[in-house]
Structures are given as structure tokens and as C-alpha cells.
Amino acid sequence: MKIQEDPWENYLYFDSKYVLPIVCHATDLPIEKQCLLAMFIHRAVADETISQYKVQGEKLAALLIDFVENEFSFDA
């Protein structure tokens, strides 16, 4: 009996190597920054670009947050 394997599961595993270090970090973040990271991860996985970033994990998250804070004005 041969076990059927879905090829998509391999992609999910390989993507998780890039996603998990972003999600599992030691930095306390306010909810808006957590949402920003979640939206970034969702988009990067959907676009299949998560593995193409040179920087990974917590450093990538920090760079993303710094970019948003420095490039966009949130004055009401």
C-alpha cells in the first residue's frame, strides 16, 4: 500500500521555515504591529515570495516595522 502525498504539503513545510521565525520572536509588539506582521506574512505566502527575502526571521520583522514607521505618517 502506497501512502498518497500531496505535493502542496512540501511547499507548506518549506514556507514554514521562513514564516515561523517571524511569528515566534522574543519581541513584545503592540497589536497593530502584530497585525502588520500577520498581513505581511499572509501576502508573502500568497504571492509565494516569502522565501525570496535576504533577511529572515526577527530581523525581517524589525525591518518591516521600521520601514512602515519611517515611511508613513499616522497623524490623525
PDB file of N, CA and C in Angstrom:
ATOM      1  N   MET A   1       0.837  -1.174   0.000  1.00  0.00           N
ATOM      2  CA  MET A   1       0.000   0.000   0.000  1.00  0.00           C
ATOM      3  C   MET A   1       0.883   1.239   0.000  1.00  0.00           C
ATOM      4  N   LYS A   2       0.645   2.143  -0.934  1.00  0.00           N
ATOM      5  CA  LYS A   2       1.429   3.355  -1.066  1.00  0.00           C
ATOM      6  C   LYS A   2       0.678   4.525  -0.404  1.00  0.00           C
ATOM      7  N   ILE A   3       1.392   5.303   0.382  1.00  0.00           N
ATOM      8  CA  ILE A   3       0.792   6.457   1.025  1.00  0.00           C
ATOM      9  C   ILE A   3       0.757   7.607   0.025  1.00  0.00           C
ATOM     10  N   GLN A   4      -0.412   8.183  -0.137  1.00  0.00           N
ATOM     11  CA  GLN A   4      -0.567   9.307  -1.054  1.00  0.00           C
ATOM     12  C   GLN A   4      -0.066  10.582  -0.386  1.00  0.00           C
ATOM     13  N   GLU A   5       0.731  11.337  -1.105  1.00  0.00           N
ATOM     14  CA  GLU A   5       1.273  12.588  -0.577  1.00  0.00           C
ATOM     15  C   GLU A   5       0.884  13.726  -1.503  1.00  0.00           C
ATOM     16  N   ASP A   6       0.388  14.775  -0.887  1.00  0.00           N
ATOM     17  CA  ASP A   6       0.014  15.963  -1.634  1.00  0.00           C
ATOM     18  C   ASP A   6       1.261  16.832  -1.797  1.00  0.00           C
ATOM     19  N   PRO A   7       1.679  17.154  -3.019  1.00  0.00           N
ATOM     20  CA  PRO A   7       2.880  17.976  -3.209  1.00  0.00           C
ATOM     21  C   PRO A   7       2.786  19.336  -2.524  1.00  0.00           C
ATOM     22  N   TRP A   8       1.563  19.856  -2.369  1.00  0.00           N
ATOM     23  CA  TRP A   8       1.390  21.161  -1.726  1.00  0.00           C
ATOM     24  C   TRP A   8       1.929  21.154  -0.298  1.00  0.00           C
ATOM     25  N   GLU A   9       1.865  20.010   0.382  1.00  0.00           N
ATOM     26  CA  GLU A   9       2.353  19.916   1.753  1.00  0.00           C
ATOM     27  C   GLU A   9       3.853  20.203   1.834  1.00  0.00           C
ATOM     28  N   ASN A  10       4.593  19.874   0.813  1.00  0.00           N
ATOM     29  CA  ASN A  10       6.020  20.190   0.791  1.00  0.00           C
ATOM     30  C   ASN A  10       6.239  21.693   0.754  1.00  0.00           C
ATOM     31  N   TYR A  11       5.445  22.397  -0.034  1.00  0.00           N
ATOM     32  CA  TYR A  11       5.562  23.855  -0.091  1.00  0.00           C
ATOM     33  C   TYR A  11       5.211  24.476   1.249  1.00  0.00           C
ATOM     34  N   LEU A  12       4.180  23.958   1.901  1.00  0.00           N
ATOM     35  CA  LEU A  12       3.808  24.477   3.219  1.00  0.00           C
ATOM     36  C   LEU A  12       4.939  24.280   4.214  1.00  0.00           C
ATOM     37  N   TYR A  13       5.601  23.141   4.155  1.00  0.00           N
ATOM     38  CA  TYR A  13       6.726  22.885   5.056  1.00  0.00           C
ATOM     39  C   TYR A  13       7.865  23.859   4.778  1.00  0.00           C
ATOM     40  N   PHE A  14       8.221  24.027   3.526  1.00  0.00           N
ATOM     41  CA  PHE A  14       9.338  24.918   3.196  1.00  0.00           C
ATOM     42  C   PHE A  14       9.007  26.378   3.510  1.00  0.00           C
ATOM     43  N   ASP A  15       7.761  26.802   3.287  1.00  0.00           N
ATOM     44  CA  ASP A  15       7.355  28.152   3.662  1.00  0.00           C
ATOM     45  C   ASP A  15       7.412  28.340   5.168  1.00  0.00           C
ATOM     46  N   SER A  16       7.096  27.300   5.921  1.00  0.00           N
ATOM     47  CA  SER A  16       7.086  27.426   7.380  1.00  0.00           C
ATOM     48  C   SER A  16       8.476  27.727   7.923  1.00  0.00           C
ATOM     49  N   LYS A  17       9.520  27.322   7.214  1.00  0.00           N
ATOM     50  CA  LYS A  17      10.885  27.637   7.656  1.00  0.00           C
ATOM     51  C   LYS A  17      11.132  29.141   7.649  1.00  0.00           C
ATOM     52  N   TYR A  18      10.400  29.865   6.826  1.00  0.00           N
ATOM     53  CA  TYR A  18      10.549  31.319   6.749  1.00  0.00           C
ATOM     54  C   TYR A  18       9.516  32.045   7.611  1.00  0.00           C
ATOM     55  N   VAL A  19       8.334  31.462   7.730  1.00  0.00           N
ATOM     56  CA  VAL A  19       7.248  32.104   8.460  1.00  0.00           C
ATOM     57  C   VAL A  19       7.424  31.971   9.971  1.00  0.00           C
ATOM     58  N   LEU A  20       7.752  30.800  10.442  1.00  0.00           N
ATOM     59  CA  LEU A  20       7.822  30.571  11.892  1.00  0.00           C
ATOM     60  C   LEU A  20       8.804  31.488  12.612  1.00  0.00           C
ATOM     61  N   PRO A  21       9.994  31.768  12.076  1.00  0.00           N
ATOM     62  CA  PRO A  21      10.882  32.708  12.779  1.00  0.00           C
ATOM     63  C   PRO A  21      10.331  34.132  12.856  1.00  0.00           C
ATOM     64  N   ILE A  22       9.440  34.497  11.949  1.00  0.00           N
ATOM     65  CA  ILE A  22       8.821  35.820  12.034  1.00  0.00           C
ATOM     66  C   ILE A  22       7.759  35.817  13.132  1.00  0.00           C
ATOM     67  N   VAL A  23       7.011  34.747  13.199  1.00  0.00           N
ATOM     68  CA  VAL A  23       5.921  34.648  14.175  1.00  0.00           C
ATOM     69  C   VAL A  23       6.466  34.403  15.585  1.00  0.00           C
ATOM     70  N   CYS A  24       7.435  33.530  15.715  1.00  0.00           N
ATOM     71  CA  CYS A  24       7.975  33.154  17.027  1.00  0.00           C
ATOM     72  C   CYS A  24       9.200  34.000  17.336  1.00  0.00           C
ATOM     73  N   HIS A  25       8.967  35.136  17.937  1.00  0.00           N
ATOM     74  CA  HIS A  25      10.066  36.033  18.269  1.00  0.00           C
ATOM     75  C   HIS A  25       9.948  36.449  19.725  1.00  0.00           C
ATOM     76  N   ALA A  26      10.980  37.039  20.263  1.00  0.00           N
ATOM     77  CA  ALA A  26      11.031  37.411  21.670  1.00  0.00           C
ATOM     78  C   ALA A  26      10.629  38.863  21.916  1.00  0.00           C
ATOM     79  N   THR A  27      10.289  39.578  20.873  1.00  0.00           N
ATOM     80  CA  THR A  27       9.961  40.980  20.994  1.00  0.00           C
ATOM     81  C   THR A  27       8.481  41.158  21.324  1.00  0.00           C
ATOM     82  N   ASP A  28       8.194  41.972  22.347  1.00  0.00           N
ATOM     83  CA  ASP A  28       6.805  42.314  22.654  1.00  0.00           C
ATOM     84  C   ASP A  28       6.344  43.379  21.665  1.00  0.00           C
ATOM     85  N   LEU A  29       5.269  43.091  20.952  1.00  0.00           N
ATOM     86  CA  LEU A  29       4.762  44.030  19.948  1.00  0.00           C
ATOM     87  C   LEU A  29       3.328  44.412  20.276  1.00  0.00           C
ATOM     88  N   PRO A  30       2.985  45.681  20.079  1.00  0.00           N
ATOM     89  CA  PRO A  30       1.583  46.062  20.215  1.00  0.00           C
ATOM     90  C   PRO A  30       0.745  45.404  19.119  1.00  0.00           C
ATOM     91  N   ILE A  31      -0.547  45.372  19.342  1.00  0.00           N
ATOM     92  CA  ILE A  31      -1.443  44.649  18.440  1.00  0.00           C
ATOM     93  C   ILE A  31      -1.362  45.148  17.003  1.00  0.00           C
ATOM     94  N   GLU A  32      -1.175  46.452  16.808  1.00  0.00           N
ATOM     95  CA  GLU A  32      -1.129  46.963  15.425  1.00  0.00           C
ATOM     96  C   GLU A  32       0.103  46.454  14.680  1.00  0.00           C
ATOM     97  N   LYS A  33       1.205  46.266  15.387  1.00  0.00           N
ATOM     98  CA  LYS A  33       2.407  45.725  14.735  1.00  0.00           C
ATOM     99  C   LYS A  33       2.268  44.222  14.499  1.00  0.00           C
ATOM    100  N   GLN A  34       1.581  43.535  15.404  1.00  0.00           N
ATOM    101  CA  GLN A  34       1.312  42.117  15.189  1.00  0.00           C
ATOM    102  C   GLN A  34       0.418  41.926  13.968  1.00  0.00           C
ATOM    103  N   CYS A  35      -0.569  42.806  13.826  1.00  0.00           N
ATOM    104  CA  CYS A  35      -1.451  42.739  12.646  1.00  0.00           C
ATOM    105  C   CYS A  35      -0.675  43.024  11.366  1.00  0.00           C
ATOM    106  N   LEU A  36       0.231  43.986  11.428  1.00  0.00           N
ATOM    107  CA  LEU A  36       1.067  44.302  10.276  1.00  0.00           C
ATOM    108  C   LEU A  36       1.884  43.084   9.856  1.00  0.00           C
ATOM    109  N   LEU A  37       2.495  42.411  10.825  1.00  0.00           N
ATOM    110  CA  LEU A  37       3.274  41.208  10.513  1.00  0.00           C
ATOM    111  C   LEU A  37       2.387  40.106   9.941  1.00  0.00           C
ATOM    112  N   ALA A  38       1.201  39.931  10.515  1.00  0.00           N
ATOM    113  CA  ALA A  38       0.283  38.901  10.020  1.00  0.00           C
ATOM    114  C   ALA A  38      -0.128  39.187   8.578  1.00  0.00           C
ATOM    115  N   MET A  39      -0.421  40.449   8.282  1.00  0.00           N
ATOM    116  CA  MET A  39      -0.798  40.825   6.913  1.00  0.00           C
ATOM    117  C   MET A  39       0.371  40.628   5.953  1.00  0.00           C
ATOM    118  N   PHE A  40       1.581  40.962   6.396  1.00  0.00           N
ATOM    119  CA  PHE A  40       2.774  40.759   5.564  1.00  0.00           C
ATOM    120  C   PHE A  40       2.977  39.272   5.278  1.00  0.00           C
ATOM    121  N   ILE A  41       2.879  38.443   6.310  1.00  0.00           N
ATOM    122  CA  ILE A  41       3.070  37.003   6.129  1.00  0.00           C
ATOM    123  C   ILE A  41       2.016  36.446   5.183  1.00  0.00           C
ATOM    124  N   HIS A  42       0.774  36.836   5.387  1.00  0.00           N
ATOM    125  CA  HIS A  42      -0.314  36.366   4.516  1.00  0.00           C
ATOM    126  C   HIS A  42      -0.035  36.711   3.057  1.00  0.00           C
ATOM    127  N   ARG A  43       0.352  37.943   2.822  1.00  0.00           N
ATOM    128  CA  ARG A  43       0.602  38.393   1.440  1.00  0.00           C
ATOM    129  C   ARG A  43       1.829  37.701   0.846  1.00  0.00           C
ATOM    130  N   ALA A  44       2.899  37.595   1.636  1.00  0.00           N
ATOM    131  CA  ALA A  44       4.137  36.994   1.121  1.00  0.00           C
ATOM    132  C   ALA A  44       3.962  35.505   0.818  1.00  0.00           C
ATOM    133  N   VAL A  45       3.163  34.810   1.611  1.00  0.00           N
ATOM    134  CA  VAL A  45       2.906  33.398   1.334  1.00  0.00           C
ATOM    135  C   VAL A  45       1.981  33.276   0.125  1.00  0.00           C
ATOM    136  N   ALA A  46       0.956  34.127   0.056  1.00  0.00           N
ATOM    137  CA  ALA A  46       0.026  34.074  -1.084  1.00  0.00           C
ATOM    138  C   ALA A  46       0.737  34.397  -2.396  1.00  0.00           C
ATOM    139  N   ASP A  47       1.662  35.353  -2.349  1.00  0.00           N
ATOM    140  CA  ASP A  47       2.413  35.734  -3.555  1.00  0.00           C
ATOM    141  C   ASP A  47       3.598  34.811  -3.820  1.00  0.00           C
ATOM    142  N   GLU A  48       3.845  33.890  -2.894  1.00  0.00           N
ATOM    143  CA  GLU A  48       4.964  32.948  -2.977  1.00  0.00           C
ATOM    144  C   GLU A  48       6.311  33.664  -3.024  1.00  0.00           C
ATOM    145  N   THR A  49       6.439  34.729  -2.223  1.00  0.00           N
ATOM    146  CA  THR A  49       7.693  35.481  -2.165  1.00  0.00           C
ATOM    147  C   THR A  49       8.380  35.376  -0.809  1.00  0.00           C
ATOM    148  N   ILE A  50       7.792  34.648   0.131  1.00  0.00           N
ATOM    149  CA  ILE A  50       8.316  34.607   1.498  1.00  0.00           C
ATOM    150  C   ILE A  50       9.755  34.089   1.540  1.00  0.00           C
ATOM    151  N   SER A  51      10.118  33.214   0.648  1.00  0.00           N
ATOM    152  CA  SER A  51      11.471  32.645   0.661  1.00  0.00           C
ATOM    153  C   SER A  51      12.489  33.500  -0.090  1.00  0.00           C
ATOM    154  N   GLN A  52      12.058  34.593  -0.698  1.00  0.00           N
ATOM    155  CA  GLN A  52      12.952  35.393  -1.529  1.00  0.00           C
ATOM    156  C   GLN A  52      13.616  36.554  -0.798  1.00  0.00           C
ATOM    157  N   TYR A  53      13.275  36.768   0.456  1.00  0.00           N
ATOM    158  CA  TYR A  53      13.887  37.859   1.210  1.00  0.00           C
ATOM    159  C   TYR A  53      15.261  37.437   1.709  1.00  0.00           C
ATOM    160  N   LYS A  54      16.237  38.337   1.572  1.00  0.00           N
ATOM    161  CA  LYS A  54      17.599  38.027   2.015  1.00  0.00           C
ATOM    162  C   LYS A  54      17.676  37.957   3.530  1.00  0.00           C
ATOM    163  N   VAL A  55      16.943  38.835   4.194  1.00  0.00           N
ATOM    164  CA  VAL A  55      16.905  38.868   5.655  1.00  0.00           C
ATOM    165  C   VAL A  55      15.735  38.006   6.100  1.00  0.00           C
ATOM    166  N   GLN A  56      15.905  37.280   7.201  1.00  0.00           N
ATOM    167  CA  GLN A  56      14.850  36.375   7.643  1.00  0.00           C
ATOM    168  C   GLN A  56      14.555  36.565   9.122  1.00  0.00           C
ATOM    169  N   GLY A  57      13.438  36.030   9.522  1.00  0.00           N
ATOM    170  CA  GLY A  57      13.077  35.957  10.928  1.00  0.00           C
ATOM    171  C   GLY A  57      12.811  37.298  11.576  1.00  0.00           C
ATOM    172  N   GLU A  58      13.282  37.416  12.814  1.00  0.00           N
ATOM    173  CA  GLU A  58      13.021  38.605  13.616  1.00  0.00           C
ATOM    174  C   GLU A  58      13.618  39.863  12.989  1.00  0.00           C
ATOM    175  N   LYS A  59      14.739  39.714  12.296  1.00  0.00           N
ATOM    176  CA  LYS A  59      15.354  40.872  11.643  1.00  0.00           C
ATOM    177  C   LYS A  59      14.470  41.388  10.501  1.00  0.00           C
ATOM    178  N   LEU A  60      13.861  40.493   9.755  1.00  0.00           N
ATOM    179  CA  LEU A  60      12.938  40.890   8.693  1.00  0.00           C
ATOM    180  C   LEU A  60      11.732  41.609   9.281  1.00  0.00           C
ATOM    181  N   ALA A  61      11.201  41.098  10.381  1.00  0.00           N
ATOM    182  CA  ALA A  61      10.067  41.745  11.046  1.00  0.00           C
ATOM    183  C   ALA A  61      10.447  43.146  11.510  1.00  0.00           C
ATOM    184  N   ALA A  62      11.626  43.294  12.087  1.00  0.00           N
ATOM    185  CA  ALA A  62      12.074  44.604  12.558  1.00  0.00           C
ATOM    186  C   ALA A  62      12.245  45.582  11.398  1.00  0.00           C
ATOM    187  N   LEU A  63      12.800  45.119  10.299  1.00  0.00           N
ATOM    188  CA  LEU A  63      12.975  45.975   9.130  1.00  0.00           C
ATOM    189  C   LEU A  63      11.631  46.404   8.549  1.00  0.00           C
ATOM    190  N   LEU A  64      10.679  45.498   8.516  1.00  0.00           N
ATOM    191  CA  LEU A  64       9.355  45.833   8.013  1.00  0.00           C
ATOM    192  C   LEU A  64       8.698  46.902   8.887  1.00  0.00           C
ATOM    193  N   ILE A  65       8.749  46.709  10.191  1.00  0.00           N
ATOM    194  CA  ILE A  65       8.133  47.662  11.109  1.00  0.00           C
ATOM    195  C   ILE A  65       8.832  49.011  11.035  1.00  0.00           C
ATOM    196  N   ASP A  66      10.159  49.013  10.979  1.00  0.00           N
ATOM    197  CA  ASP A  66      10.897  50.272  10.841  1.00  0.00           C
ATOM    198  C   ASP A  66      10.530  50.989   9.546  1.00  0.00           C
ATOM    199  N   PHE A  67      10.418  50.244   8.466  1.00  0.00           N
ATOM    200  CA  PHE A  67      10.051  50.840   7.186  1.00  0.00           C
ATOM    201  C   PHE A  67       8.685  51.520   7.269  1.00  0.00           C
ATOM    202  N   VAL A  68       7.712  50.816   7.825  1.00  0.00           N
ATOM    203  CA  VAL A  68       6.362  51.380   7.920  1.00  0.00           C
ATOM    204  C   VAL A  68       6.354  52.613   8.811  1.00  0.00           C
ATOM    205  N   GLU A  69       7.045  52.552   9.932  1.00  0.00           N
ATOM    206  CA  GLU A  69       7.073  53.695  10.850  1.00  0.00           C
ATOM    207  C   GLU A  69       7.765  54.913  10.242  1.00  0.00           C
ATOM    208  N   ASN A  70       8.796  54.692   9.435  1.00  0.00           N
ATOM    209  CA  ASN A  70       9.558  55.805   8.874  1.00  0.00           C
ATOM    210  C   ASN A  70       8.989  56.345   7.567  1.00  0.00           C
ATOM    211  N   GLU A  71       8.275  55.543   6.832  1.00  0.00           N
ATOM    212  CA  GLU A  71       7.807  55.958   5.506  1.00  0.00           C
ATOM    213  C   GLU A  71       6.371  56.480   5.491  1.00  0.00           C
ATOM    214  N   PHE A  72       5.593  56.145   6.510  1.00  0.00           N
ATOM    215  CA  PHE A  72       4.183  56.523   6.516  1.00  0.00           C
ATOM    216  C   PHE A  72       3.869  57.373   7.734  1.00  0.00           C
ATOM    217  N   SER A  73       3.032  58.369   7.536  1.00  0.00           N
ATOM    218  CA  SER A  73       2.621  59.252   8.618  1.00  0.00           C
ATOM    219  C   SER A  73       1.274  58.787   9.165  1.00  0.00           C
ATOM    220  N   PHE A  74       1.182  58.671  10.473  1.00  0.00           N
ATOM    221  CA  PHE A  74      -0.051  58.201  11.096  1.00  0.00           C
ATOM    222  C   PHE A  74      -0.705  59.296  11.930  1.00  0.00           C
ATOM    223  N   ASP A  75      -0.418  60.542  11.619  1.00  0.00           N
ATOM    224  CA  ASP A  75      -1.036  61.644  12.342  1.00  0.00           C
ATOM    225  C   ASP A  75      -2.507  61.754  11.959  1.00  0.00           C
ATOM    226  N   ALA A  76      -3.332  61.885  12.981  1.00  0.00           N
ATOM    227  CA  ALA A  76      -4.783  61.963  12.728  1.00  0.00           C
ATOM    228  C   ALA A  76      -5.242  63.407  12.654  1.00  0.00           C
TER     229      ALA A  76
END
